[in-house]
Structures are given as C-alpha cells and as structure tokens.
Amino acid sequence: MRKPIGPFPFSSGTHNRFGHSRLGDGVSAANSNTRIVKPVRQEGTAPIAGRKNLLNNPIQGASRTPLQRAHVNAGPPAARGNLGLNSERSRTRMVDRLRAQGIQDERVLDALRAVPRHLFVDEGLASRAYEDAALPIGYGQTISQPWVVARMISAVCENRVPVKVLEVGAGCGYQAAVLAQLVREVHAIERVRGLHDAARVRLRALKLMGRVRLMFGDGMAGLPGVAPFDAIIVAAAGIKIPQTLLEQLAVGGRLIAPEGMAAQRLILIERTGTAAWRRDELESVRFVPLRPGTQQ
C-alpha cells in the first residue's frame, strides 16, 4: 500500500530581488496559488538530503522536447528578444531551487525546465517569471507558484505516470503545458473566457494542442463524458472538494486540490474503491476561490 505523502520538512521563504514583495497578508491576485511558509533565516538553511524521489523512471531528455525549439518564436516580441529569458539558465536556476526545497522528482523537474514560464505571463512581468512566486495574469487570477505546480504534479504522479489527467482552472495554460511533458492526454478547463482564449494561443504556439485539450466551461462540473481520469488537479480552493470531481476519478486515481476559505490546505485524495476514497492533508496554501459557472 502506498505510504501517505506527508508535508515537506523543508520550508524556506523566497527573496524578491526587486525589494518589498507584494506577497503580503491577505488573499489577492498577487499572493494566491502559493504555499504559506513561516519566515526563516537564510543562513544555516540546507537542502534535504536522502529524501526518496516521488517518481521513478525519469523521462530521458525531457528538456529537449519540440517545445524548446518552438518557444523561441512564441510569445510577445519583448520576451523573444530577451536572450536571458530564452536561455535555459533561468529555468535551470528555478529547477535547482525547487530541488533544494524538496522537489526531487526528476521527471517533474525536467518538465518544468522544458516549459518557458515567461511566455505565460504578461510582458511586463516576464523578468519575474522564474521567481518562486505566484504572479497575476488578469481577471483576479494568478499563475501558480512553481513550487506549487511541482508539488501538486508530483503528488498525483507518485510511483506512476497517469495517462489521462483533468486540470480544473487552466488559467494561463502553464500547468497544462508542464503536464503535457509528462502525460499523454491532458484535459484542462478554464471558466474565464479571456484566460481560456489566451491560453489556447500560447499552447498552440508551443505546439502542445495535440496533448492538451483545452475547454471553456465550469470546472466544478468536470468532464463526465471524458471521465474517468487517472489524476485530477484543481487550481482553486473551495470550502469542500466537489463530489462530482471525486466521482470522476478512476479507481486508484488521485485528486489534489486546495480546500478551505481563510485557512487552506492541499488535500490529496486517492480513490480506493467504487465508493471509497482516502484523504491526506498536506501543506498550508493560499489559492484563489473555486467558483461555479463561467465568466465571459
């Protein structure tokens, strides 16, 4: 039987090289879709040693996918012209930081290294794309913190590679792009029309629409016509995880979602039988609210 995933023992804050961080108290588009950590002193901090990888069988050469060849000509002109962002160095530094923070699954790290995150944020925020922070993407939503993306994907993929995954809350399309490096079939739902349309443009430019099936709709309803799913990732927090989504998990499948209002935690659920689910509580987080319906 799978050993339940426990909280990562390492928690470190992040520096904002631009001075005072906008990730302050209170829920806003600038500090949601991120984990909550207690402030720690920088000196004396060491990476985890000896922690078992969450996934086996790393993907070989994930950083050399067609996506890397395509991203140079994708995105706004300013992003294309910034050689520092287009190089692999910024993504490699981000991946090294995530590994030091406890994300040791090489498949997930390779997927994050392969996706140009700066193409999924506004041109004015491209220089901050590889900070370990959530960033606003408009419509009161955020692109999730890289650590959160890595943690959620690692949790649902532990000791397995899901074939069919549902993402609820596609946002700008970044997490779907990362999933597409690992998973054969990604179904992503976005309820905000403007975000859906922009994500489609980005994913198409990066030649990922063959693996990502992006839909405009109510994520809380899931996709019953496509279910069951081997994994479901929910990028918004509700008071309770919708039973509709739990029912769309395959037996043995896993769902990860933030749950709660003022105080939120990541919840990992595994379907163990036709009418049985096992629940594990993970880290404290702060996400945007999970809402029903659609927004034009």
Protein backbone atom coordinates (compact mmCIF):
# COMPACT_ATOMS: atom_id res chain seq x y z
CA MET A 1 0.00 0.00 0.00
CA ARG A 2 1.25 3.46 -0.82
CA LYS A 3 2.70 5.36 2.08
CA PRO A 4 0.73 8.61 2.56
CA ILE A 5 2.57 11.69 1.45
CA GLY A 6 3.45 13.90 4.36
CA PRO A 7 4.33 17.58 4.45
CA PHE A 8 7.75 18.52 3.11
CA PRO A 9 10.06 19.03 6.09
CA PHE A 10 11.87 21.90 4.37
CA SER A 11 10.24 25.30 4.17
CA SER A 12 12.11 28.38 3.06
CA GLY A 13 10.88 31.77 2.11
CA THR A 14 11.82 33.44 -1.15
CA HIS A 15 13.69 36.67 -1.75
CA ASN A 16 12.27 39.30 -4.06
CA ARG A 17 15.25 40.93 -5.74
CA PHE A 18 13.04 43.90 -6.63
CA GLY A 19 12.71 44.91 -2.99
CA HIS A 20 9.49 44.68 -0.98
CA SER A 21 7.45 41.67 -2.08
CA ARG A 22 3.79 42.05 -2.97
CA LEU A 23 3.16 38.68 -1.32
CA GLY A 24 1.89 40.18 1.91
CA ASP A 25 -1.01 39.38 4.21
CA GLY A 26 -4.48 38.78 2.85
CA VAL A 27 -5.71 36.98 -0.24
CA SER A 28 -5.18 38.81 -3.51
CA ALA A 29 -4.21 38.07 -7.08
CA ALA A 30 -0.63 38.81 -6.08
CA ASN A 31 -0.26 36.24 -3.30
CA SER A 32 -2.61 33.36 -4.09
CA ASN A 33 -1.87 29.97 -5.67
CA THR A 34 1.12 29.69 -3.38
CA ARG A 35 2.12 27.87 -0.24
CA ILE A 36 2.22 29.52 3.15
CA VAL A 37 5.55 29.31 4.95
CA LYS A 38 6.85 30.75 8.16
CA PRO A 39 9.69 33.25 7.75
CA VAL A 40 13.07 31.61 8.23
CA ARG A 41 16.59 32.91 8.41
CA GLN A 42 18.58 32.43 5.24
CA GLU A 43 21.82 31.45 6.94
CA GLY A 44 22.15 27.85 8.02
CA THR A 45 19.49 26.63 5.61
CA ALA A 46 20.37 23.38 3.92
CA PRO A 47 18.62 21.26 1.31
CA ILE A 48 17.00 17.97 2.19
CA ALA A 49 19.32 15.01 1.90
CA GLY A 50 18.27 11.44 1.38
CA ARG A 51 14.59 12.01 0.64
CA LYS A 52 13.14 9.34 -1.63
CA ASN A 53 12.07 10.54 -5.08
CA LEU A 54 8.31 10.72 -5.55
CA LEU A 55 8.54 9.25 -9.05
CA ASN A 56 10.66 6.52 -10.56
CA ASN A 57 11.81 6.11 -14.15
CA PRO A 58 12.69 9.71 -15.04
CA ILE A 59 11.84 10.86 -18.52
CA GLN A 60 15.02 10.94 -20.54
CA GLY A 61 15.71 14.17 -22.39
CA ALA A 62 12.50 15.95 -21.35
CA SER A 63 14.34 19.25 -21.69
CA ARG A 64 14.96 18.52 -25.36
CA THR A 65 11.34 18.36 -26.45
CA PRO A 66 9.94 20.17 -29.52
CA LEU A 67 8.54 22.74 -27.09
CA GLN A 68 12.01 24.18 -26.53
CA ARG A 69 12.53 24.58 -30.24
CA ALA A 70 9.15 26.28 -30.61
CA HIS A 71 9.24 28.74 -27.71
CA VAL A 72 11.91 30.99 -29.25
CA ASN A 73 9.35 32.21 -31.79
CA ALA A 74 6.38 32.27 -29.39
CA GLY A 75 5.15 34.98 -27.06
CA PRO A 76 5.48 38.76 -27.16
CA PRO A 77 8.40 40.33 -29.06
CA ALA A 78 10.00 41.65 -25.87
CA ALA A 79 10.11 38.14 -24.39
CA ARG A 80 11.56 36.74 -27.62
CA GLY A 81 14.26 39.36 -27.65
CA ASN A 82 15.40 38.75 -24.08
CA LEU A 83 18.15 36.18 -24.50
CA GLY A 84 18.45 35.77 -20.75
CA LEU A 85 14.88 34.53 -20.54
CA ASN A 86 15.10 32.44 -23.68
CA SER A 87 18.19 30.63 -22.47
CA GLU A 88 17.86 27.61 -20.23
CA ARG A 89 19.79 29.24 -17.42
CA SER A 90 16.82 30.92 -15.74
CA ARG A 91 14.77 27.73 -15.81
CA THR A 92 17.72 25.67 -14.61
CA ARG A 93 18.18 28.01 -11.63
CA MET A 94 14.46 27.69 -10.88
CA VAL A 95 14.68 23.90 -11.03
CA ASP A 96 17.77 23.83 -8.82
CA ARG A 97 15.94 25.95 -6.25
CA LEU A 98 12.91 23.63 -6.34
CA ARG A 99 15.13 20.59 -5.89
CA ALA A 100 16.73 22.22 -2.83
CA GLN A 101 13.24 22.91 -1.48
CA GLY A 102 12.32 19.22 -1.54
CA ILE A 103 11.00 18.63 -5.07
CA GLN A 104 13.27 15.74 -6.01
CA ASP A 105 11.24 14.02 -8.71
CA GLU A 106 13.43 14.38 -11.78
CA ARG A 107 10.60 13.83 -14.23
CA VAL A 108 8.66 16.75 -12.83
CA LEU A 109 11.78 18.91 -12.65
CA ASP A 110 12.64 18.08 -16.27
CA ALA A 111 9.11 19.06 -17.31
CA LEU A 112 9.41 22.41 -15.52
CA ARG A 113 12.79 23.00 -17.11
CA ALA A 114 11.32 22.36 -20.56
CA VAL A 115 8.47 24.91 -20.33
CA PRO A 116 9.25 28.62 -20.86
CA ARG A 117 7.26 30.14 -17.98
CA HIS A 118 7.99 33.71 -19.11
CA LEU A 119 5.74 33.18 -22.13
CA PHE A 120 2.75 32.55 -19.85
CA VAL A 121 2.84 35.87 -18.00
CA ASP A 122 2.31 39.45 -19.08
CA GLU A 123 5.25 41.04 -20.90
CA GLY A 124 5.78 43.45 -18.01
CA LEU A 125 6.23 40.54 -15.56
CA ALA A 126 8.46 38.39 -17.77
CA SER A 127 11.56 39.35 -15.80
CA ARG A 128 9.94 37.86 -12.67
CA ALA A 129 8.74 34.66 -14.32
CA TYR A 130 11.33 32.39 -12.70
CA GLU A 131 10.94 33.65 -9.15
CA ASP A 132 9.30 31.15 -6.82
CA ALA A 133 6.16 33.27 -6.61
CA ALA A 134 2.64 33.40 -7.98
CA LEU A 135 2.07 36.26 -10.44
CA PRO A 136 -1.13 37.98 -11.57
CA ILE A 137 -2.48 37.01 -15.00
CA GLY A 138 -5.58 39.22 -15.04
CA TYR A 139 -9.24 38.65 -14.16
CA GLY A 140 -8.29 38.34 -10.47
CA GLN A 141 -6.35 35.11 -11.16
CA THR A 142 -2.72 34.04 -10.85
CA ILE A 143 -0.20 31.73 -12.41
CA SER A 144 0.66 29.28 -9.63
CA GLN A 145 3.96 29.42 -7.78
CA PRO A 146 6.44 26.98 -9.42
CA TRP A 147 6.80 25.06 -6.15
CA VAL A 148 3.03 24.56 -6.01
CA VAL A 149 2.91 23.31 -9.61
CA ALA A 150 5.75 20.86 -8.92
CA ARG A 151 4.27 19.67 -5.62
CA MET A 152 0.79 19.05 -6.99
CA ILE A 153 2.01 17.19 -10.08
CA SER A 154 4.47 15.13 -8.03
CA ALA A 155 1.77 14.11 -5.57
CA VAL A 156 -0.68 12.76 -8.15
CA CYS A 157 2.10 11.04 -10.13
CA GLU A 158 3.91 9.28 -7.28
CA ASN A 159 5.14 5.88 -8.48
CA ARG A 160 3.10 6.10 -11.66
CA VAL A 161 2.56 8.02 -14.88
CA PRO A 162 -1.12 8.92 -15.37
CA VAL A 163 -2.37 8.52 -18.91
CA LYS A 164 -5.37 10.88 -18.66
CA VAL A 165 -5.40 13.94 -16.38
CA LEU A 166 -8.00 16.62 -15.73
CA GLU A 167 -6.90 20.12 -14.73
CA VAL A 168 -9.58 22.37 -13.23
CA GLY A 169 -8.62 26.03 -13.58
CA ALA A 170 -6.23 26.15 -16.54
CA GLY A 171 -5.60 29.88 -16.12
CA CYS A 172 -2.85 30.98 -18.49
CA GLY A 173 -2.09 27.38 -19.53
CA TYR A 174 1.26 26.97 -17.77
CA GLN A 175 0.44 23.96 -15.61
CA ALA A 176 -1.21 22.24 -18.57
CA ALA A 177 1.99 22.80 -20.57
CA VAL A 178 4.06 21.22 -17.79
CA LEU A 179 1.66 18.28 -17.53
CA ALA A 180 1.91 17.77 -21.29
CA GLN A 181 5.60 16.96 -20.87
CA LEU A 182 4.65 14.02 -18.63
CA VAL A 183 1.15 12.91 -19.57
CA ARG A 184 -0.20 11.63 -22.86
CA GLU A 185 -3.66 13.20 -22.52
CA VAL A 186 -4.34 16.43 -20.60
CA HIS A 187 -7.88 17.81 -20.35
CA ALA A 188 -7.93 21.37 -19.00
CA ILE A 189 -10.97 23.51 -18.16
CA GLU A 190 -10.99 27.28 -17.73
CA ARG A 191 -14.11 29.22 -16.71
CA VAL A 192 -12.90 32.72 -17.70
CA ARG A 193 -13.23 33.26 -21.45
CA GLY A 194 -10.34 35.73 -21.71
CA LEU A 195 -7.92 33.39 -19.93
CA HIS A 196 -9.12 30.40 -21.95
CA ASP A 197 -8.56 32.20 -25.25
CA ALA A 198 -5.09 33.45 -24.27
CA ALA A 199 -4.06 30.00 -23.01
CA ARG A 200 -5.16 28.43 -26.29
CA VAL A 201 -3.00 30.86 -28.26
CA ARG A 202 0.06 30.09 -26.10
CA LEU A 203 -0.40 26.32 -26.16
CA ARG A 204 -0.92 26.33 -29.91
CA ALA A 205 2.22 28.45 -30.45
CA LEU A 206 4.19 25.91 -28.42
CA LYS A 207 2.68 23.04 -30.44
CA LEU A 208 1.07 21.43 -27.39
CA MET A 209 -2.56 21.25 -28.54
CA GLY A 210 -2.01 17.66 -29.62
CA ARG A 211 -1.71 16.64 -25.97
CA VAL A 212 -3.72 19.37 -24.25
CA ARG A 213 -7.47 19.52 -24.84
CA LEU A 214 -8.46 22.93 -23.51
CA MET A 215 -12.13 23.64 -22.87
CA PHE A 216 -14.13 26.69 -21.79
CA GLY A 217 -16.60 25.66 -19.10
CA ASP A 218 -17.47 25.12 -15.45
CA GLY A 219 -14.58 23.26 -13.88
CA MET A 220 -16.64 22.25 -10.84
CA ALA A 221 -18.69 20.03 -13.15
CA GLY A 222 -15.61 18.31 -14.52
CA LEU A 223 -15.90 16.38 -17.76
CA PRO A 224 -18.24 13.43 -17.14
CA GLY A 225 -18.20 12.49 -20.81
CA VAL A 226 -14.42 12.02 -20.72
CA ALA A 227 -14.07 10.52 -17.22
CA PRO A 228 -12.68 8.52 -15.52
CA PHE A 229 -9.36 10.29 -15.00
CA ASP A 230 -6.15 8.85 -13.59
CA ALA A 231 -5.49 12.18 -11.87
CA ILE A 232 -7.29 15.46 -11.26
CA ILE A 233 -5.55 18.71 -10.28
CA VAL A 234 -7.69 21.59 -9.03
CA ALA A 235 -6.06 25.04 -9.05
CA ALA A 236 -8.65 26.89 -6.92
CA ALA A 237 -9.94 26.43 -3.38
CA GLY A 238 -13.47 25.61 -2.31
CA ILE A 239 -14.95 25.02 1.13
CA LYS A 240 -15.20 21.38 0.13
CA ILE A 241 -13.85 19.40 -2.82
CA PRO A 242 -16.82 18.81 -5.18
CA GLN A 243 -18.16 15.26 -5.03
CA THR A 244 -18.69 15.48 -8.79
CA LEU A 245 -14.93 15.57 -9.28
CA LEU A 246 -14.32 12.73 -6.84
CA GLU A 247 -16.75 10.59 -8.81
CA GLN A 248 -14.77 11.24 -12.00
CA LEU A 249 -11.59 9.67 -10.58
CA ALA A 250 -10.69 6.19 -11.76
CA VAL A 251 -10.24 3.61 -9.01
CA GLY A 252 -6.62 4.05 -7.95
CA GLY A 253 -6.59 7.60 -9.30
CA ARG A 254 -5.60 10.65 -7.26
CA LEU A 255 -7.01 14.14 -6.91
CA ILE A 256 -5.17 17.07 -5.38
CA ALA A 257 -6.85 20.35 -4.52
CA PRO A 258 -6.66 23.19 -2.01
CA GLU A 259 -9.57 23.17 0.44
CA GLY A 260 -10.83 25.82 2.84
CA MET A 261 -11.52 29.53 2.95
CA ALA A 262 -9.44 31.67 5.34
CA ALA A 263 -7.23 28.69 6.19
CA GLN A 264 -6.48 26.37 3.29
CA ARG A 265 -4.54 23.12 2.92
CA LEU A 266 -3.61 20.97 -0.01
CA ILE A 267 -5.70 17.80 0.10
CA LEU A 268 -4.64 14.59 -1.64
CA ILE A 269 -7.41 12.07 -2.26
CA GLU A 270 -6.99 8.57 -3.70
CA ARG A 271 -9.97 6.57 -4.88
CA THR A 272 -9.58 3.14 -3.32
CA GLY A 273 -12.85 1.59 -4.46
CA THR A 274 -16.16 2.19 -6.18
CA ALA A 275 -17.44 4.17 -3.20
CA ALA A 276 -14.27 4.65 -1.15
CA TRP A 277 -11.71 7.44 -1.05
CA ARG A 278 -8.68 8.02 1.16
CA ARG A 279 -7.77 11.55 2.22
CA ASP A 280 -4.39 13.03 3.22
CA GLU A 281 -3.79 16.64 4.31
CA LEU A 282 -0.59 18.25 3.07
CA GLU A 283 0.81 21.82 3.22
CA SER A 284 -0.88 25.08 4.10
CA VAL A 285 -1.56 27.09 0.96
CA ARG A 286 -3.46 30.11 -0.31
CA PHE A 287 -5.40 29.85 -3.60
CA VAL A 288 -7.96 31.89 -5.49
CA PRO A 289 -11.58 30.80 -4.83
CA LEU A 290 -13.17 27.93 -6.73
CA ARG A 291 -16.26 29.34 -8.45
CA PRO A 292 -19.12 27.72 -10.37
CA GLY A 293 -20.29 28.67 -13.83
CA THR A 294 -18.41 30.65 -16.48
CA GLN A 295 -17.31 34.25 -16.99
CA GLN A 296 -17.40 35.82 -20.45
